[in-house]
């Protein structure tokens, strides 16, 4: 399982198409994390000031079709858009009053 942090607004922007964050165009890949703890660290470091709900997508790499997964250091990167069928669960990042990520909960 791979984990990807994304604001709800970005995940919801075009639900009829594979998910392709801005990093896919600018860097050539989708940033992921190897586990929940790493995803929370990413949320805390890079999304603390992001308004609105923040999500973590749980991505089953066996469902990505032809998208290449490369482990670069401790982080997996996806070299292509994420087929929404590969997302097996969506969790919401719980944040404290200062915006720090404190945990993940299932999103209905």
PDB file of N, CA and C in Angstrom:
ATOM      1  N   UNK A   1       0.846  -1.175   0.000  1.00  0.00           N
ATOM      2  CA  UNK A   1       0.000   0.000   0.000  1.00  0.00           C
ATOM      3  C   UNK A   1       0.895   1.243   0.000  1.00  0.00           C
ATOM      4  N   UNK A   2       0.531   2.197  -0.827  1.00  0.00           N
ATOM      5  CA  UNK A   2       1.213   3.488  -0.882  1.00  0.00           C
ATOM      6  C   UNK A   2       0.239   4.554  -0.394  1.00  0.00           C
ATOM      7  N   UNK A   3       0.765   5.650   0.099  1.00  0.00           N
ATOM      8  CA  UNK A   3      -0.062   6.708   0.671  1.00  0.00           C
ATOM      9  C   UNK A   3       0.280   8.029   0.000  1.00  0.00           C
ATOM     10  N   UNK A   4      -0.764   8.778  -0.377  1.00  0.00           N
ATOM     11  CA  UNK A   4      -0.578  10.074  -1.045  1.00  0.00           C
ATOM     12  C   UNK A   4      -1.424  11.123  -0.336  1.00  0.00           C
ATOM     13  N   UNK A   5      -0.795  12.222   0.042  1.00  0.00           N
ATOM     14  CA  UNK A   5      -1.476  13.318   0.730  1.00  0.00           C
ATOM     15  C   UNK A   5      -2.007  14.290  -0.317  1.00  0.00           C
ATOM     16  N   UNK A   6      -3.273  14.692  -0.144  1.00  0.00           N
ATOM     17  CA  UNK A   6      -3.896  15.585  -1.121  1.00  0.00           C
ATOM     18  C   UNK A   6      -5.014  16.387  -0.448  1.00  0.00           C
ATOM     19  N   UNK A   7      -5.115  17.691  -0.760  1.00  0.00           N
ATOM     20  CA  UNK A   7      -6.275  18.457  -0.296  1.00  0.00           C
ATOM     21  C   UNK A   7      -7.548  17.917  -0.954  1.00  0.00           C
ATOM     22  N   UNK A   8      -8.643  17.920  -0.212  1.00  0.00           N
ATOM     23  CA  UNK A   8      -9.921  17.439  -0.739  1.00  0.00           C
ATOM     24  C   UNK A   8     -10.283  18.127  -2.049  1.00  0.00           C
ATOM     25  N   UNK A   9     -10.061  19.424  -2.142  1.00  0.00           N
ATOM     26  CA  UNK A   9     -10.420  20.174  -3.353  1.00  0.00           C
ATOM     27  C   UNK A   9      -9.698  19.618  -4.585  1.00  0.00           C
ATOM     28  N   UNK A  10      -8.448  19.223  -4.439  1.00  0.00           N
ATOM     29  CA  UNK A  10      -7.694  18.675  -5.572  1.00  0.00           C
ATOM     30  C   UNK A  10      -8.197  17.286  -5.951  1.00  0.00           C
ATOM     31  N   UNK A  11      -8.455  16.439  -4.950  1.00  0.00           N
ATOM     32  CA  UNK A  11      -8.946  15.081  -5.203  1.00  0.00           C
ATOM     33  C   UNK A  11     -10.323  15.111  -5.866  1.00  0.00           C
ATOM     34  N   UNK A  12     -11.146  16.070  -5.493  1.00  0.00           N
ATOM     35  CA  UNK A  12     -12.523  16.155  -5.977  1.00  0.00           C
ATOM     36  C   UNK A  12     -12.663  16.927  -7.287  1.00  0.00           C
ATOM     37  N   UNK A  13     -11.610  17.539  -7.762  1.00  0.00           N
ATOM     38  CA  UNK A  13     -11.697  18.460  -8.896  1.00  0.00           C
ATOM     39  C   UNK A  13     -12.242  17.827 -10.169  1.00  0.00           C
ATOM     40  N   UNK A  14     -11.842  16.617 -10.489  1.00  0.00           N
ATOM     41  CA  UNK A  14     -12.279  15.990 -11.742  1.00  0.00           C
ATOM     42  C   UNK A  14     -12.458  14.491 -11.519  1.00  0.00           C
ATOM     43  N   UNK A  15     -13.544  14.109 -10.815  1.00  0.00           N
ATOM     44  CA  UNK A  15     -13.708  12.706 -10.405  1.00  0.00           C
ATOM     45  C   UNK A  15     -13.890  11.709 -11.546  1.00  0.00           C
ATOM     46  N   UNK A  16     -14.165  12.169 -12.740  1.00  0.00           N
ATOM     47  CA  UNK A  16     -14.353  11.265 -13.866  1.00  0.00           C
ATOM     48  C   UNK A  16     -13.060  10.886 -14.569  1.00  0.00           C
ATOM     49  N   UNK A  17     -11.938  11.440 -14.111  1.00  0.00           N
ATOM     50  CA  UNK A  17     -10.648  11.189 -14.757  1.00  0.00           C
ATOM     51  C   UNK A  17      -9.651  10.633 -13.742  1.00  0.00           C
ATOM     52  N   UNK A  18      -8.596   9.979 -14.217  1.00  0.00           N
ATOM     53  CA  UNK A  18      -7.548   9.563 -13.287  1.00  0.00           C
ATOM     54  C   UNK A  18      -6.990  10.798 -12.559  1.00  0.00           C
ATOM     55  N   UNK A  19      -6.560  10.587 -11.330  1.00  0.00           N
ATOM     56  CA  UNK A  19      -6.034  11.676 -10.512  1.00  0.00           C
ATOM     57  C   UNK A  19      -4.614  12.016 -10.971  1.00  0.00           C
ATOM     58  N   UNK A  20      -4.401  13.287 -11.283  1.00  0.00           N
ATOM     59  CA  UNK A  20      -3.098  13.751 -11.757  1.00  0.00           C
ATOM     60  C   UNK A  20      -2.775  15.079 -11.067  1.00  0.00           C
ATOM     61  N   UNK A  21      -2.038  15.039  -9.956  1.00  0.00           N
ATOM     62  CA  UNK A  21      -1.705  16.276  -9.261  1.00  0.00           C
ATOM     63  C   UNK A  21      -0.737  17.130 -10.075  1.00  0.00           C
ATOM     64  N   UNK A  22      -0.585  18.377  -9.676  1.00  0.00           N
ATOM     65  CA  UNK A  22       0.298  19.312 -10.375  1.00  0.00           C
ATOM     66  C   UNK A  22       1.728  18.787 -10.460  1.00  0.00           C
ATOM     67  N   UNK A  23       2.167  18.018  -9.466  1.00  0.00           N
ATOM     68  CA  UNK A  23       3.543  17.511  -9.484  1.00  0.00           C
ATOM     69  C   UNK A  23       3.802  16.586 -10.669  1.00  0.00           C
ATOM     70  N   UNK A  24       2.767  15.968 -11.197  1.00  0.00           N
ATOM     71  CA  UNK A  24       2.941  15.086 -12.350  1.00  0.00           C
ATOM     72  C   UNK A  24       3.431  15.895 -13.548  1.00  0.00           C
ATOM     73  N   UNK A  25       2.881  17.091 -13.736  1.00  0.00           N
ATOM     74  CA  UNK A  25       3.339  17.957 -14.822  1.00  0.00           C
ATOM     75  C   UNK A  25       4.670  18.620 -14.495  1.00  0.00           C
ATOM     76  N   UNK A  26       4.819  19.124 -13.276  1.00  0.00           N
ATOM     77  CA  UNK A  26       6.011  19.898 -12.940  1.00  0.00           C
ATOM     78  C   UNK A  26       7.244  19.043 -12.648  1.00  0.00           C
ATOM     79  N   UNK A  27       7.050  17.847 -12.069  1.00  0.00           N
ATOM     80  CA  UNK A  27       8.188  17.013 -11.687  1.00  0.00           C
ATOM     81  C   UNK A  27       8.211  15.656 -12.391  1.00  0.00           C
ATOM     82  N   UNK A  28       7.103  15.311 -13.022  1.00  0.00           N
ATOM     83  CA  UNK A  28       7.050  14.054 -13.754  1.00  0.00           C
ATOM     84  C   UNK A  28       6.573  12.866 -12.947  1.00  0.00           C
ATOM     85  N   UNK A  29       6.180  13.079 -11.688  1.00  0.00           N
ATOM     86  CA  UNK A  29       5.722  11.970 -10.863  1.00  0.00           C
ATOM     87  C   UNK A  29       4.786  12.444  -9.773  1.00  0.00           C
ATOM     88  N   UNK A  30       4.107  11.486  -9.145  1.00  0.00           N
ATOM     89  CA  UNK A  30       3.215  11.718  -8.015  1.00  0.00           C
ATOM     90  C   UNK A  30       3.962  11.285  -6.760  1.00  0.00           C
ATOM     91  N   UNK A  31       4.107  12.187  -5.817  1.00  0.00           N
ATOM     92  CA  UNK A  31       4.776  11.888  -4.547  1.00  0.00           C
ATOM     93  C   UNK A  31       3.904  10.958  -3.708  1.00  0.00           C
ATOM     94  N   UNK A  32       4.508   9.935  -3.113  1.00  0.00           N
ATOM     95  CA  UNK A  32       3.800   9.050  -2.192  1.00  0.00           C
ATOM     96  C   UNK A  32       4.660   8.803  -0.962  1.00  0.00           C
ATOM     97  N   UNK A  33       4.057   8.153   0.007  1.00  0.00           N
ATOM     98  CA  UNK A  33       4.746   7.751   1.231  1.00  0.00           C
ATOM     99  C   UNK A  33       4.582   6.254   1.397  1.00  0.00           C
ATOM    100  N   UNK A  34       5.504   5.668   2.158  1.00  0.00           N
ATOM    101  CA  UNK A  34       5.515   4.224   2.330  1.00  0.00           C
ATOM    102  C   UNK A  34       4.583   3.735   3.423  1.00  0.00           C
ATOM    103  N   UNK A  35       4.202   4.621   4.352  1.00  0.00           N
ATOM    104  CA  UNK A  35       3.343   4.201   5.458  1.00  0.00           C
ATOM    105  C   UNK A  35       2.587   5.410   6.012  1.00  0.00           C
ATOM    106  N   UNK A  36       1.692   5.151   6.951  1.00  0.00           N
ATOM    107  CA  UNK A  36       0.861   6.215   7.524  1.00  0.00           C
ATOM    108  C   UNK A  36       1.697   7.257   8.245  1.00  0.00           C
ATOM    109  N   UNK A  37       2.704   6.811   8.988  1.00  0.00           N
ATOM    110  CA  UNK A  37       3.535   7.748   9.741  1.00  0.00           C
ATOM    111  C   UNK A  37       4.243   8.725   8.802  1.00  0.00           C
ATOM    112  N   UNK A  38       4.759   8.221   7.693  1.00  0.00           N
ATOM    113  CA  UNK A  38       5.425   9.088   6.725  1.00  0.00           C
ATOM    114  C   UNK A  38       4.425  10.040   6.074  1.00  0.00           C
ATOM    115  N   UNK A  39       3.213   9.556   5.786  1.00  0.00           N
ATOM    116  CA  UNK A  39       2.181  10.432   5.208  1.00  0.00           C
ATOM    117  C   UNK A  39       1.809  11.549   6.170  1.00  0.00           C
ATOM    118  N   UNK A  40       1.706  11.233   7.453  1.00  0.00           N
ATOM    119  CA  UNK A  40       1.418  12.277   8.451  1.00  0.00           C
ATOM    120  C   UNK A  40       2.559  13.275   8.532  1.00  0.00           C
ATOM    121  N   UNK A  41       3.786  12.815   8.434  1.00  0.00           N
ATOM    122  CA  UNK A  41       4.937  13.726   8.454  1.00  0.00           C
ATOM    123  C   UNK A  41       4.913  14.654   7.246  1.00  0.00           C
ATOM    124  N   UNK A  42       4.546  14.125   6.070  1.00  0.00           N
ATOM    125  CA  UNK A  42       4.427  14.944   4.868  1.00  0.00           C
ATOM    126  C   UNK A  42       3.307  15.969   5.043  1.00  0.00           C
ATOM    127  N   UNK A  43       2.173  15.525   5.554  1.00  0.00           N
ATOM    128  CA  UNK A  43       1.047  16.439   5.781  1.00  0.00           C
ATOM    129  C   UNK A  43       1.457  17.563   6.718  1.00  0.00           C
ATOM    130  N   UNK A  44       2.179  17.217   7.763  1.00  0.00           N
ATOM    131  CA  UNK A  44       2.601  18.204   8.751  1.00  0.00           C
ATOM    132  C   UNK A  44       3.627  19.169   8.164  1.00  0.00           C
ATOM    133  N   UNK A  45       4.559  18.667   7.392  1.00  0.00           N
ATOM    134  CA  UNK A  45       5.642  19.496   6.851  1.00  0.00           C
ATOM    135  C   UNK A  45       5.212  20.367   5.673  1.00  0.00           C
ATOM    136  N   UNK A  46       4.313  19.855   4.837  1.00  0.00           N
ATOM    137  CA  UNK A  46       4.009  20.549   3.588  1.00  0.00           C
ATOM    138  C   UNK A  46       2.592  21.110   3.471  1.00  0.00           C
ATOM    139  N   UNK A  47       1.691  20.692   4.344  1.00  0.00           N
ATOM    140  CA  UNK A  47       0.290  21.087   4.195  1.00  0.00           C
ATOM    141  C   UNK A  47      -0.291  21.729   5.453  1.00  0.00           C
ATOM    142  N   UNK A  48       0.529  22.092   6.402  1.00  0.00           N
ATOM    143  CA  UNK A  48       0.018  22.627   7.668  1.00  0.00           C
ATOM    144  C   UNK A  48      -0.887  23.830   7.449  1.00  0.00           C
ATOM    145  N   UNK A  49      -0.557  24.703   6.527  1.00  0.00           N
ATOM    146  CA  UNK A  49      -1.359  25.905   6.291  1.00  0.00           C
ATOM    147  C   UNK A  49      -2.471  25.736   5.273  1.00  0.00           C
ATOM    148  N   UNK A  50      -2.659  24.546   4.754  1.00  0.00           N
ATOM    149  CA  UNK A  50      -3.687  24.310   3.745  1.00  0.00           C
ATOM    150  C   UNK A  50      -5.072  24.341   4.374  1.00  0.00           C
ATOM    151  N   UNK A  51      -5.936  25.182   3.821  1.00  0.00           N
ATOM    152  CA  UNK A  51      -7.308  25.281   4.332  1.00  0.00           C
ATOM    153  C   UNK A  51      -8.132  24.103   3.829  1.00  0.00           C
ATOM    154  N   UNK A  52      -9.140  23.746   4.601  1.00  0.00           N
ATOM    155  CA  UNK A  52     -10.066  22.689   4.196  1.00  0.00           C
ATOM    156  C   UNK A  52      -9.537  21.320   4.530  1.00  0.00           C
ATOM    157  N   UNK A  53     -10.362  20.312   4.275  1.00  0.00           N
ATOM    158  CA  UNK A  53      -9.968  18.943   4.589  1.00  0.00           C
ATOM    159  C   UNK A  53      -8.733  18.501   3.806  1.00  0.00           C
ATOM    160  N   UNK A  54      -7.929  17.723   4.474  1.00  0.00           N
ATOM    161  CA  UNK A  54      -6.725  17.143   3.888  1.00  0.00           C
ATOM    162  C   UNK A  54      -6.886  15.630   3.948  1.00  0.00           C
ATOM    163  N   UNK A  55      -6.619  14.973   2.835  1.00  0.00           N
ATOM    164  CA  UNK A  55      -6.850  13.534   2.725  1.00  0.00           C
ATOM    165  C   UNK A  55      -5.555  12.766   2.523  1.00  0.00           C
ATOM    166  N   UNK A  56      -5.612  11.483   2.826  1.00  0.00           N
ATOM    167  CA  UNK A  56      -4.557  10.547   2.460  1.00  0.00           C
ATOM    168  C   UNK A  56      -5.217   9.449   1.642  1.00  0.00           C
ATOM    169  N   UNK A  57      -4.752   9.290   0.408  1.00  0.00           N
ATOM    170  CA  UNK A  57      -5.249   8.236  -0.464  1.00  0.00           C
ATOM    171  C   UNK A  57      -4.425   6.981  -0.221  1.00  0.00           C
ATOM    172  N   UNK A  58      -5.089   5.866  -0.023  1.00  0.00           N
ATOM    173  CA  UNK A  58      -4.426   4.574   0.136  1.00  0.00           C
ATOM    174  C   UNK A  58      -4.457   3.908  -1.232  1.00  0.00           C
ATOM    175  N   UNK A  59      -3.297   3.773  -1.840  1.00  0.00           N
ATOM    176  CA  UNK A  59      -3.181   3.320  -3.224  1.00  0.00           C
ATOM    177  C   UNK A  59      -2.605   1.908  -3.269  1.00  0.00           C
ATOM    178  N   UNK A  60      -3.344   1.010  -3.895  1.00  0.00           N
ATOM    179  CA  UNK A  60      -2.886  -0.366  -4.099  1.00  0.00           C
ATOM    180  C   UNK A  60      -2.059  -0.387  -5.376  1.00  0.00           C
ATOM    181  N   UNK A  61      -0.756  -0.528  -5.237  1.00  0.00           N
ATOM    182  CA  UNK A  61       0.118  -0.433  -6.410  1.00  0.00           C
ATOM    183  C   UNK A  61      -0.128  -1.549  -7.422  1.00  0.00           C
ATOM    184  N   UNK A  62      -0.755  -2.644  -7.016  1.00  0.00           N
ATOM    185  CA  UNK A  62      -1.053  -3.710  -7.979  1.00  0.00           C
ATOM    186  C   UNK A  62      -2.202  -3.331  -8.907  1.00  0.00           C
ATOM    187  N   UNK A  63      -2.920  -2.262  -8.589  1.00  0.00           N
ATOM    188  CA  UNK A  63      -4.054  -1.811  -9.412  1.00  0.00           C
ATOM    189  C   UNK A  63      -3.714  -0.598 -10.277  1.00  0.00           C
ATOM    190  N   UNK A  64      -2.451  -0.232 -10.346  1.00  0.00           N
ATOM    191  CA  UNK A  64      -2.067   0.971 -11.074  1.00  0.00           C
ATOM    192  C   UNK A  64      -1.936   0.762 -12.578  1.00  0.00           C
ATOM    193  N   UNK A  65      -2.115  -0.455 -13.021  1.00  0.00           N
ATOM    194  CA  UNK A  65      -1.992  -0.712 -14.456  1.00  0.00           C
ATOM    195  C   UNK A  65      -0.553  -0.511 -14.897  1.00  0.00           C
ATOM    196  N   UNK A  66      -0.353   0.295 -15.898  1.00  0.00           N
ATOM    197  CA  UNK A  66       0.989   0.499 -16.444  1.00  0.00           C
ATOM    198  C   UNK A  66       1.791   1.605 -15.788  1.00  0.00           C
ATOM    199  N   UNK A  67       1.302   2.183 -14.710  1.00  0.00           N
ATOM    200  CA  UNK A  67       2.030   3.265 -14.051  1.00  0.00           C
ATOM    201  C   UNK A  67       3.227   2.688 -13.300  1.00  0.00           C
ATOM    202  N   UNK A  68       4.400   3.223 -13.606  1.00  0.00           N
ATOM    203  CA  UNK A  68       5.621   2.754 -12.962  1.00  0.00           C
ATOM    204  C   UNK A  68       5.741   3.315 -11.547  1.00  0.00           C
ATOM    205  N   UNK A  69       6.125   2.459 -10.618  1.00  0.00           N
ATOM    206  CA  UNK A  69       6.421   2.863  -9.239  1.00  0.00           C
ATOM    207  C   UNK A  69       7.924   2.760  -9.063  1.00  0.00           C
ATOM    208  N   UNK A  70       8.555   3.883  -8.701  1.00  0.00           N
ATOM    209  CA  UNK A  70       9.993   3.889  -8.436  1.00  0.00           C
ATOM    210  C   UNK A  70      10.229   4.323  -7.000  1.00  0.00           C
ATOM    211  N   UNK A  71      11.029   3.550  -6.296  1.00  0.00           N
ATOM    212  CA  UNK A  71      11.419   3.914  -4.932  1.00  0.00           C
ATOM    213  C   UNK A  71      12.698   4.729  -5.043  1.00  0.00           C
ATOM    214  N   UNK A  72      12.607   5.987  -4.655  1.00  0.00           N
ATOM    215  CA  UNK A  72      13.747   6.895  -4.705  1.00  0.00           C
ATOM    216  C   UNK A  72      14.022   7.334  -3.281  1.00  0.00           C
ATOM    217  N   UNK A  73      15.046   6.725  -2.706  1.00  0.00           N
ATOM    218  CA  UNK A  73      15.275   6.892  -1.276  1.00  0.00           C
ATOM    219  C   UNK A  73      14.136   6.189  -0.559  1.00  0.00           C
ATOM    220  N   UNK A  74      13.627   6.788   0.505  1.00  0.00           N
ATOM    221  CA  UNK A  74      12.551   6.135   1.250  1.00  0.00           C
ATOM    222  C   UNK A  74      11.152   6.371   0.674  1.00  0.00           C
ATOM    223  N   UNK A  75      11.090   7.116  -0.450  1.00  0.00           N
ATOM    224  CA  UNK A  75       9.781   7.510  -0.967  1.00  0.00           C
ATOM    225  C   UNK A  75       9.447   6.858  -2.297  1.00  0.00           C
ATOM    226  N   UNK A  76       8.245   6.304  -2.417  1.00  0.00           N
ATOM    227  CA  UNK A  76       7.790   5.806  -3.714  1.00  0.00           C
ATOM    228  C   UNK A  76       7.227   6.950  -4.550  1.00  0.00           C
ATOM    229  N   UNK A  77       7.536   6.928  -5.824  1.00  0.00           N
ATOM    230  CA  UNK A  77       7.000   7.907  -6.765  1.00  0.00           C
ATOM    231  C   UNK A  77       6.266   7.161  -7.870  1.00  0.00           C
ATOM    232  N   UNK A  78       5.130   7.702  -8.273  1.00  0.00           N
ATOM    233  CA  UNK A  78       4.328   7.121  -9.347  1.00  0.00           C
ATOM    234  C   UNK A  78       4.540   7.944 -10.607  1.00  0.00           C
ATOM    235  N   UNK A  79       4.992   7.293 -11.655  1.00  0.00           N
ATOM    236  CA  UNK A  79       5.288   7.980 -12.907  1.00  0.00           C
ATOM    237  C   UNK A  79       4.114   7.868 -13.873  1.00  0.00           C
ATOM    238  N   UNK A  80       3.020   8.462 -13.455  1.00  0.00           N
ATOM    239  CA  UNK A  80       1.811   8.506 -14.255  1.00  0.00           C
ATOM    240  C   UNK A  80       0.632   8.821 -13.358  1.00  0.00           C
ATOM    241  N   UNK A  81      -0.514   9.099 -13.951  1.00  0.00           N
ATOM    242  CA  UNK A  81      -1.703   9.415 -13.154  1.00  0.00           C
ATOM    243  C   UNK A  81      -2.196   8.191 -12.380  1.00  0.00           C
ATOM    244  N   UNK A  82      -2.935   8.464 -11.317  1.00  0.00           N
ATOM    245  CA  UNK A  82      -3.458   7.409 -10.453  1.00  0.00           C
ATOM    246  C   UNK A  82      -4.872   7.054 -10.895  1.00  0.00           C
ATOM    247  N   UNK A  83      -5.037   5.827 -11.340  1.00  0.00           N
ATOM    248  CA  UNK A  83      -6.372   5.338 -11.662  1.00  0.00           C
ATOM    249  C   UNK A  83      -7.172   5.326 -10.356  1.00  0.00           C
ATOM    250  N   UNK A  84      -8.314   5.917 -10.347  1.00  0.00           N
ATOM    251  CA  UNK A  84      -9.105   6.014  -9.115  1.00  0.00           C
ATOM    252  C   UNK A  84      -9.502   4.644  -8.567  1.00  0.00           C
ATOM    253  N   UNK A  85      -9.535   3.633  -9.423  1.00  0.00           N
ATOM    254  CA  UNK A  85      -9.835   2.272  -8.958  1.00  0.00           C
ATOM    255  C   UNK A  85      -8.694   1.701  -8.116  1.00  0.00           C
ATOM    256  N   UNK A  86      -7.509   2.300  -8.211  1.00  0.00           N
ATOM    257  CA  UNK A  86      -6.371   1.856  -7.405  1.00  0.00           C
ATOM    258  C   UNK A  86      -6.430   2.410  -5.986  1.00  0.00           C
ATOM    259  N   UNK A  87      -7.292   3.396  -5.761  1.00  0.00           N
ATOM    260  CA  UNK A  87      -7.446   3.982  -4.426  1.00  0.00           C
ATOM    261  C   UNK A  87      -8.450   3.135  -3.660  1.00  0.00           C
ATOM    262  N   UNK A  88      -7.944   2.379  -2.693  1.00  0.00           N
ATOM    263  CA  UNK A  88      -8.786   1.440  -1.961  1.00  0.00           C
ATOM    264  C   UNK A  88      -9.450   2.055  -0.743  1.00  0.00           C
ATOM    265  N   UNK A  89      -8.905   3.160  -0.269  1.00  0.00           N
ATOM    266  CA  UNK A  89      -9.465   3.836   0.898  1.00  0.00           C
ATOM    267  C   UNK A  89      -9.015   5.295   0.893  1.00  0.00           C
ATOM    268  N   UNK A  90      -9.879   6.145   1.402  1.00  0.00           N
ATOM    269  CA  UNK A  90      -9.541   7.555   1.579  1.00  0.00           C
ATOM    270  C   UNK A  90      -9.686   7.858   3.062  1.00  0.00           C
ATOM    271  N   UNK A  91      -8.636   8.411   3.630  1.00  0.00           N
ATOM    272  CA  UNK A  91      -8.647   8.779   5.047  1.00  0.00           C
ATOM    273  C   UNK A  91      -8.471  10.285   5.172  1.00  0.00           C
ATOM    274  N   UNK A  92      -9.031  10.834   6.227  1.00  0.00           N
ATOM    275  CA  UNK A  92      -8.880  12.265   6.472  1.00  0.00           C
ATOM    276  C   UNK A  92      -7.818  12.494   7.543  1.00  0.00           C
ATOM    277  N   UNK A  93      -7.014  13.511   7.316  1.00  0.00           N
ATOM    278  CA  UNK A  93      -5.985  13.882   8.272  1.00  0.00           C
ATOM    279  C   UNK A  93      -6.633  14.715   9.373  1.00  0.00           C
ATOM    280  N   UNK A  94      -6.485  14.280  10.595  1.00  0.00           N
ATOM    281  CA  UNK A  94      -6.922  15.069  11.749  1.00  0.00           C
ATOM    282  C   UNK A  94      -5.808  16.049  12.071  1.00  0.00           C
ATOM    283  N   UNK A  95      -6.197  17.317  12.313  1.00  0.00           N
ATOM    284  CA  UNK A  95      -5.211  18.347  12.627  1.00  0.00           C
ATOM    285  C   UNK A  95      -5.612  19.076  13.893  1.00  0.00           C
ATOM    286  N   UNK A  96      -4.604  19.520  14.626  1.00  0.00           N
ATOM    287  CA  UNK A  96      -4.889  20.284  15.841  1.00  0.00           C
ATOM    288  C   UNK A  96      -5.124  21.754  15.488  1.00  0.00           C
ATOM    289  N   UNK A  97      -5.337  22.572  16.474  1.00  0.00           N
ATOM    290  CA  UNK A  97      -5.661  23.985  16.256  1.00  0.00           C
ATOM    291  C   UNK A  97      -4.559  24.734  15.510  1.00  0.00           C
ATOM    292  N   UNK A  98      -3.332  24.253  15.590  1.00  0.00           N
ATOM    293  CA  UNK A  98      -2.219  24.885  14.881  1.00  0.00           C
ATOM    294  C   UNK A  98      -1.972  24.283  13.515  1.00  0.00           C
ATOM    295  N   UNK A  99      -2.820  23.345  13.101  1.00  0.00           N
ATOM    296  CA  UNK A  99      -2.703  22.737  11.788  1.00  0.00           C
ATOM    297  C   UNK A  99      -1.797  21.529  11.730  1.00  0.00           C
ATOM    298  N   UNK A 100      -1.241  21.109  12.864  1.00  0.00           N
ATOM    299  CA  UNK A 100      -0.363  19.936  12.879  1.00  0.00           C
ATOM    300  C   UNK A 100      -1.174  18.661  12.672  1.00  0.00           C
ATOM    301  N   UNK A 101      -0.637  17.761  11.851  1.00  0.00           N
ATOM    302  CA  UNK A 101      -1.275  16.476  11.600  1.00  0.00           C
ATOM    303  C   UNK A 101      -1.131  15.597  12.839  1.00  0.00           C
ATOM    304  N   UNK A 102      -2.268  15.079  13.325  1.00  0.00           N
ATOM    305  CA  UNK A 102      -2.240  14.274  14.540  1.00  0.00           C
ATOM    306  C   UNK A 102      -2.707  12.838  14.337  1.00  0.00           C
ATOM    307  N   UNK A 103      -3.296  12.527  13.195  1.00  0.00           N
ATOM    308  CA  UNK A 103      -3.769  11.162  12.969  1.00  0.00           C
ATOM    309  C   UNK A 103      -4.603  11.076  11.703  1.00  0.00           C
ATOM    310  N   UNK A 104      -5.008   9.857  11.395  1.00  0.00           N
ATOM    311  CA  UNK A 104      -5.844   9.592  10.227  1.00  0.00           C
ATOM    312  C   UNK A 104      -7.122   8.894  10.669  1.00  0.00           C
ATOM    313  N   UNK A 105      -8.225   9.269  10.042  1.00  0.00           N
ATOM    314  CA  UNK A 105      -9.506   8.607  10.294  1.00  0.00           C
ATOM    315  C   UNK A 105     -10.160   8.281   8.956  1.00  0.00           C
ATOM    316  N   UNK A 106     -10.917   7.177   8.900  1.00  0.00           N
ATOM    317  CA  UNK A 106     -11.622   6.843   7.657  1.00  0.00           C
ATOM    318  C   UNK A 106     -12.570   7.975   7.255  1.00  0.00           C
ATOM    319  N   UNK A 107     -12.671   8.224   5.984  1.00  0.00           N
ATOM    320  CA  UNK A 107     -13.584   9.251   5.469  1.00  0.00           C
ATOM    321  C   UNK A 107     -14.777   8.540   4.854  1.00  0.00           C
ATOM    322  N   UNK A 108     -15.938   8.980   5.216  1.00  0.00           N
ATOM    323  CA  UNK A 108     -17.159   8.371   4.715  1.00  0.00           C
ATOM    324  C   UNK A 108     -17.399   8.706   3.262  1.00  0.00           C
TER     325      UNK A 108
END
